[in-house]
Amino acid sequence: MTLSQKQKLFSKMIAELILWAYEKGYEITLGDAYRDPRLHGELGVKMGYGARNSCHKLRLAMDLNLFVNGKYVTDGEAHKPLGEKWESMGGSWGGRFKDANHYSLEHDGFK
């Protein structure tokens, strides 16, 4: 699958996940998605703004802000149902590597 095909698939999958989350009673706001390497470059990597090969830079990752009963939650357990749903759809969930609000599609071994 080409990068462009993956990006289009990712967009569709993220929309499906958000709709699923709302059906389950969660609320979502969008977090960090595309990280333009021209804007952040090496300095961004040094400052911790994403790994050199972040899927955010490939338009294959998005951070989702999760609200449960109107309250913003950041712990991995709260994201777990969404993460497991995302994985069942073929995505990679950041809760498996201490970044619970991160949802991505793997590309060239990067999540």
N, C-alpha and C. Protein backbone atom coordinates (compact mmCIF):
# COMPACT_ATOMS: atom_id res chain seq x y z
N MET A 1 0.84 -1.17 0.00
CA MET A 1 0.00 0.00 0.00
C MET A 1 0.90 1.25 0.00
N THR A 2 0.58 2.21 -0.84
CA THR A 2 1.38 3.43 -0.89
C THR A 2 1.10 4.31 0.33
N LEU A 3 1.98 5.26 0.57
CA LEU A 3 1.78 6.19 1.68
C LEU A 3 0.46 6.94 1.49
N SER A 4 0.19 7.41 0.30
CA SER A 4 -1.05 8.13 0.03
C SER A 4 -2.28 7.26 0.33
N GLN A 5 -2.23 6.02 -0.06
CA GLN A 5 -3.35 5.11 0.22
C GLN A 5 -3.52 4.92 1.73
N LYS A 6 -2.40 4.79 2.45
CA LYS A 6 -2.47 4.65 3.90
C LYS A 6 -3.04 5.92 4.55
N GLN A 7 -2.65 7.08 4.06
CA GLN A 7 -3.16 8.34 4.62
C GLN A 7 -4.68 8.43 4.45
N LYS A 8 -5.17 8.03 3.30
CA LYS A 8 -6.61 8.06 3.05
C LYS A 8 -7.33 7.05 3.95
N LEU A 9 -6.77 5.87 4.09
CA LEU A 9 -7.33 4.85 4.96
C LEU A 9 -7.34 5.35 6.41
N PHE A 10 -6.23 5.95 6.84
CA PHE A 10 -6.13 6.47 8.20
C PHE A 10 -7.23 7.48 8.48
N SER A 11 -7.46 8.40 7.55
CA SER A 11 -8.51 9.42 7.73
C SER A 11 -9.87 8.77 7.95
N LYS A 12 -10.16 7.77 7.15
CA LYS A 12 -11.44 7.07 7.27
C LYS A 12 -11.52 6.32 8.59
N MET A 13 -10.45 5.65 8.97
CA MET A 13 -10.44 4.88 10.22
C MET A 13 -10.61 5.78 11.43
N ILE A 14 -9.93 6.93 11.45
CA ILE A 14 -10.01 7.84 12.60
C ILE A 14 -11.44 8.35 12.74
N ALA A 15 -12.09 8.65 11.60
CA ALA A 15 -13.48 9.09 11.64
C ALA A 15 -14.38 8.00 12.22
N GLU A 16 -14.16 6.77 11.80
CA GLU A 16 -14.95 5.64 12.31
C GLU A 16 -14.73 5.45 13.80
N LEU A 17 -13.48 5.60 14.27
CA LEU A 17 -13.20 5.45 15.70
C LEU A 17 -13.90 6.54 16.50
N ILE A 18 -13.86 7.76 16.02
CA ILE A 18 -14.51 8.86 16.74
C ILE A 18 -16.01 8.63 16.82
N LEU A 19 -16.63 8.23 15.73
CA LEU A 19 -18.07 7.94 15.75
C LEU A 19 -18.38 6.80 16.71
N TRP A 20 -17.55 5.77 16.71
CA TRP A 20 -17.73 4.65 17.63
C TRP A 20 -17.64 5.13 19.08
N ALA A 21 -16.66 5.98 19.36
CA ALA A 21 -16.48 6.50 20.72
C ALA A 21 -17.73 7.26 21.19
N TYR A 22 -18.28 8.09 20.32
CA TYR A 22 -19.49 8.83 20.68
C TYR A 22 -20.67 7.89 20.90
N GLU A 23 -20.76 6.84 20.12
CA GLU A 23 -21.83 5.85 20.33
C GLU A 23 -21.72 5.19 21.69
N LYS A 24 -20.49 5.08 22.21
CA LYS A 24 -20.25 4.45 23.51
C LYS A 24 -20.34 5.45 24.66
N GLY A 25 -20.62 6.71 24.36
CA GLY A 25 -20.79 7.71 25.42
C GLY A 25 -19.57 8.55 25.73
N TYR A 26 -18.50 8.36 24.99
CA TYR A 26 -17.31 9.18 25.16
C TYR A 26 -17.47 10.48 24.37
N GLU A 27 -16.64 11.45 24.70
CA GLU A 27 -16.54 12.66 23.90
C GLU A 27 -15.08 12.83 23.53
N ILE A 28 -14.83 13.39 22.36
CA ILE A 28 -13.48 13.52 21.81
C ILE A 28 -13.26 14.94 21.32
N THR A 29 -12.07 15.47 21.57
CA THR A 29 -11.60 16.63 20.83
C THR A 29 -10.30 16.21 20.16
N LEU A 30 -9.97 16.89 19.08
CA LEU A 30 -8.79 16.52 18.31
C LEU A 30 -7.54 17.12 18.93
N GLY A 31 -6.52 16.30 19.01
CA GLY A 31 -5.22 16.75 19.48
C GLY A 31 -4.27 16.88 18.31
N ASP A 32 -3.03 16.65 18.58
CA ASP A 32 -1.97 16.81 17.59
C ASP A 32 -2.14 15.80 16.47
N ALA A 33 -2.05 16.29 15.24
CA ALA A 33 -2.12 15.40 14.08
C ALA A 33 -0.84 15.57 13.27
N TYR A 34 -0.88 16.36 12.22
CA TYR A 34 0.30 16.51 11.36
C TYR A 34 1.35 17.39 12.03
N ARG A 35 2.56 16.90 12.07
CA ARG A 35 3.71 17.66 12.56
C ARG A 35 4.62 17.93 11.37
N ASP A 36 4.60 19.14 10.91
CA ASP A 36 5.35 19.53 9.72
C ASP A 36 6.84 19.57 10.03
N PRO A 37 7.63 18.67 9.44
CA PRO A 37 9.06 18.64 9.74
C PRO A 37 9.77 19.92 9.29
N ARG A 38 9.20 20.65 8.32
CA ARG A 38 9.81 21.91 7.91
C ARG A 38 9.69 22.95 9.01
N LEU A 39 8.65 22.85 9.81
CA LEU A 39 8.43 23.80 10.89
C LEU A 39 9.24 23.44 12.13
N HIS A 40 9.28 22.15 12.47
CA HIS A 40 9.90 21.73 13.72
C HIS A 40 11.28 21.10 13.54
N GLY A 41 11.51 20.43 12.45
CA GLY A 41 12.81 19.88 12.10
C GLY A 41 13.60 19.28 13.23
N GLU A 42 14.90 19.44 13.16
CA GLU A 42 15.81 18.87 14.16
C GLU A 42 15.58 19.47 15.54
N LEU A 43 15.28 20.75 15.60
CA LEU A 43 15.02 21.39 16.89
C LEU A 43 13.83 20.73 17.57
N GLY A 44 12.78 20.44 16.78
CA GLY A 44 11.62 19.76 17.34
C GLY A 44 11.95 18.40 17.90
N VAL A 45 12.82 17.67 17.22
CA VAL A 45 13.25 16.36 17.72
C VAL A 45 14.01 16.53 19.03
N LYS A 46 14.92 17.50 19.09
CA LYS A 46 15.71 17.74 20.30
C LYS A 46 14.84 18.17 21.47
N MET A 47 13.78 18.91 21.18
CA MET A 47 12.90 19.40 22.24
C MET A 47 11.81 18.39 22.61
N GLY A 48 11.84 17.22 21.99
CA GLY A 48 10.90 16.17 22.32
C GLY A 48 9.60 16.26 21.55
N TYR A 49 9.54 17.08 20.52
CA TYR A 49 8.31 17.21 19.75
C TYR A 49 8.26 16.14 18.66
N GLY A 50 8.17 14.94 19.09
CA GLY A 50 8.05 13.84 18.15
C GLY A 50 9.38 13.24 17.73
N ALA A 51 9.35 11.96 17.58
CA ALA A 51 10.54 11.24 17.12
C ALA A 51 10.86 11.61 15.68
N ARG A 52 12.07 11.40 15.32
CA ARG A 52 12.53 11.71 13.97
C ARG A 52 11.63 11.04 12.92
N ASN A 53 11.18 9.83 13.19
CA ASN A 53 10.36 9.09 12.23
C ASN A 53 8.91 8.95 12.69
N SER A 54 8.40 9.97 13.36
CA SER A 54 7.04 9.95 13.87
C SER A 54 6.02 9.80 12.75
N CYS A 55 5.02 8.97 12.99
CA CYS A 55 3.93 8.83 12.01
C CYS A 55 3.12 10.11 11.91
N HIS A 56 3.21 11.00 12.90
CA HIS A 56 2.57 12.31 12.80
C HIS A 56 3.13 13.06 11.59
N LYS A 57 4.41 12.90 11.33
CA LYS A 57 5.05 13.60 10.21
C LYS A 57 4.65 13.01 8.86
N LEU A 58 4.06 11.83 8.90
CA LEU A 58 3.62 11.16 7.67
C LEU A 58 2.10 11.26 7.48
N ARG A 59 1.45 12.00 8.36
CA ARG A 59 -0.02 12.10 8.35
C ARG A 59 -0.68 10.75 8.59
N LEU A 60 -0.05 9.96 9.47
CA LEU A 60 -0.58 8.64 9.81
C LEU A 60 -0.80 8.49 11.31
N ALA A 61 -0.90 9.61 12.04
CA ALA A 61 -1.12 9.55 13.48
C ALA A 61 -1.92 10.77 13.93
N MET A 62 -2.70 10.55 14.99
CA MET A 62 -3.45 11.64 15.60
C MET A 62 -3.58 11.36 17.08
N ASP A 63 -3.46 12.42 17.87
CA ASP A 63 -3.72 12.32 19.29
C ASP A 63 -5.17 12.74 19.51
N LEU A 64 -5.89 11.93 20.28
CA LEU A 64 -7.29 12.23 20.59
C LEU A 64 -7.42 12.56 22.06
N ASN A 65 -8.08 13.67 22.35
CA ASN A 65 -8.34 14.07 23.73
C ASN A 65 -9.67 13.46 24.14
N LEU A 66 -9.66 12.70 25.22
CA LEU A 66 -10.81 11.92 25.64
C LEU A 66 -11.49 12.55 26.84
N PHE A 67 -12.83 12.59 26.78
CA PHE A 67 -13.64 13.10 27.88
C PHE A 67 -14.62 12.01 28.29
N VAL A 68 -14.67 11.75 29.58
CA VAL A 68 -15.60 10.78 30.15
C VAL A 68 -16.46 11.53 31.15
N ASN A 69 -17.76 11.46 30.97
CA ASN A 69 -18.70 12.21 31.82
C ASN A 69 -18.33 13.69 31.88
N GLY A 70 -17.90 14.23 30.75
CA GLY A 70 -17.57 15.65 30.66
C GLY A 70 -16.21 16.03 31.20
N LYS A 71 -15.45 15.06 31.72
CA LYS A 71 -14.14 15.36 32.30
C LYS A 71 -13.03 14.83 31.41
N TYR A 72 -12.02 15.68 31.19
CA TYR A 72 -10.86 15.31 30.39
C TYR A 72 -10.05 14.27 31.15
N VAL A 73 -9.75 13.16 30.50
CA VAL A 73 -8.97 12.10 31.13
C VAL A 73 -7.75 11.78 30.28
N THR A 74 -6.66 11.48 30.93
CA THR A 74 -5.41 11.21 30.22
C THR A 74 -4.84 9.82 30.49
N ASP A 75 -5.38 9.11 31.47
CA ASP A 75 -4.79 7.82 31.82
C ASP A 75 -5.09 6.76 30.77
N GLY A 76 -4.18 5.83 30.67
CA GLY A 76 -4.28 4.77 29.68
C GLY A 76 -5.50 3.88 29.86
N GLU A 77 -5.93 3.67 31.08
CA GLU A 77 -7.09 2.81 31.30
C GLU A 77 -8.35 3.40 30.68
N ALA A 78 -8.48 4.71 30.74
CA ALA A 78 -9.66 5.36 30.14
C ALA A 78 -9.64 5.22 28.63
N HIS A 79 -8.45 5.28 28.03
CA HIS A 79 -8.31 5.15 26.58
C HIS A 79 -8.37 3.70 26.10
N LYS A 80 -8.23 2.77 27.02
CA LYS A 80 -8.09 1.36 26.63
C LYS A 80 -9.21 0.85 25.72
N PRO A 81 -10.50 1.11 26.01
CA PRO A 81 -11.53 0.62 25.09
C PRO A 81 -11.36 1.17 23.68
N LEU A 82 -11.00 2.45 23.56
CA LEU A 82 -10.78 3.04 22.24
C LEU A 82 -9.54 2.43 21.60
N GLY A 83 -8.48 2.26 22.40
CA GLY A 83 -7.25 1.68 21.88
C GLY A 83 -7.45 0.27 21.35
N GLU A 84 -8.21 -0.52 22.09
CA GLU A 84 -8.46 -1.89 21.65
C GLU A 84 -9.35 -1.91 20.40
N LYS A 85 -10.30 -1.00 20.34
CA LYS A 85 -11.13 -0.89 19.13
C LYS A 85 -10.25 -0.51 17.94
N TRP A 86 -9.35 0.47 18.15
CA TRP A 86 -8.44 0.93 17.10
C TRP A 86 -7.57 -0.22 16.61
N GLU A 87 -7.04 -0.99 17.53
CA GLU A 87 -6.21 -2.14 17.15
C GLU A 87 -7.02 -3.17 16.36
N SER A 88 -8.28 -3.37 16.74
CA SER A 88 -9.12 -4.33 16.02
C SER A 88 -9.40 -3.86 14.59
N MET A 89 -9.26 -2.56 14.35
CA MET A 89 -9.45 -1.98 13.02
C MET A 89 -8.16 -2.05 12.19
N GLY A 90 -7.04 -2.41 12.84
CA GLY A 90 -5.77 -2.52 12.13
C GLY A 90 -4.77 -1.43 12.47
N GLY A 91 -5.12 -0.58 13.44
CA GLY A 91 -4.22 0.51 13.82
C GLY A 91 -3.28 0.13 14.96
N SER A 92 -2.39 1.06 15.27
CA SER A 92 -1.47 0.91 16.40
C SER A 92 -1.87 1.92 17.47
N TRP A 93 -2.02 1.44 18.70
CA TRP A 93 -2.44 2.30 19.80
C TRP A 93 -1.25 2.63 20.69
N GLY A 94 -1.07 3.91 20.97
CA GLY A 94 0.04 4.38 21.79
C GLY A 94 0.00 3.92 23.23
N GLY A 95 -1.13 3.42 23.70
CA GLY A 95 -1.20 2.91 25.06
C GLY A 95 -0.28 1.73 25.28
N ARG A 96 0.16 1.13 24.20
CA ARG A 96 1.11 0.01 24.30
C ARG A 96 2.54 0.51 24.49
N PHE A 97 2.75 1.83 24.30
CA PHE A 97 4.09 2.40 24.53
C PHE A 97 4.02 3.74 25.25
N LYS A 98 3.13 3.80 26.27
CA LYS A 98 3.03 4.94 27.20
C LYS A 98 2.67 6.26 26.54
N ASP A 99 1.79 6.21 25.54
CA ASP A 99 1.30 7.42 24.87
C ASP A 99 -0.18 7.16 24.55
N ALA A 100 -1.00 7.07 25.61
CA ALA A 100 -2.36 6.52 25.50
C ALA A 100 -3.27 7.24 24.52
N ASN A 101 -3.05 8.52 24.27
CA ASN A 101 -3.96 9.24 23.38
C ASN A 101 -3.50 9.22 21.92
N HIS A 102 -2.51 8.41 21.61
CA HIS A 102 -1.91 8.32 20.27
C HIS A 102 -2.52 7.16 19.50
N TYR A 103 -3.03 7.47 18.30
CA TYR A 103 -3.64 6.48 17.41
C TYR A 103 -2.97 6.62 16.05
N SER A 104 -2.43 5.53 15.53
CA SER A 104 -1.65 5.63 14.29
C SER A 104 -1.81 4.39 13.43
N LEU A 105 -1.28 4.51 12.21
CA LEU A 105 -1.11 3.37 11.33
C LEU A 105 0.38 3.17 11.15
N GLU A 106 0.84 1.96 11.30
CA GLU A 106 2.25 1.67 11.16
C GLU A 106 2.71 1.88 9.72
N HIS A 107 3.94 2.40 9.58
CA HIS A 107 4.53 2.58 8.26
C HIS A 107 6.04 2.38 8.36
N ASP A 108 6.53 1.47 7.57
CA ASP A 108 7.97 1.14 7.57
C ASP A 108 8.50 0.84 8.96
N GLY A 109 7.68 0.17 9.77
CA GLY A 109 8.09 -0.23 11.11
C GLY A 109 7.89 0.81 12.19
N PHE A 110 7.39 1.98 11.84
CA PHE A 110 7.18 3.04 12.82
C PHE A 110 5.70 3.16 13.15
N LYS A 111 5.43 3.46 14.43
CA LYS A 111 4.06 3.58 14.91
C LYS A 111 3.83 4.99 15.39
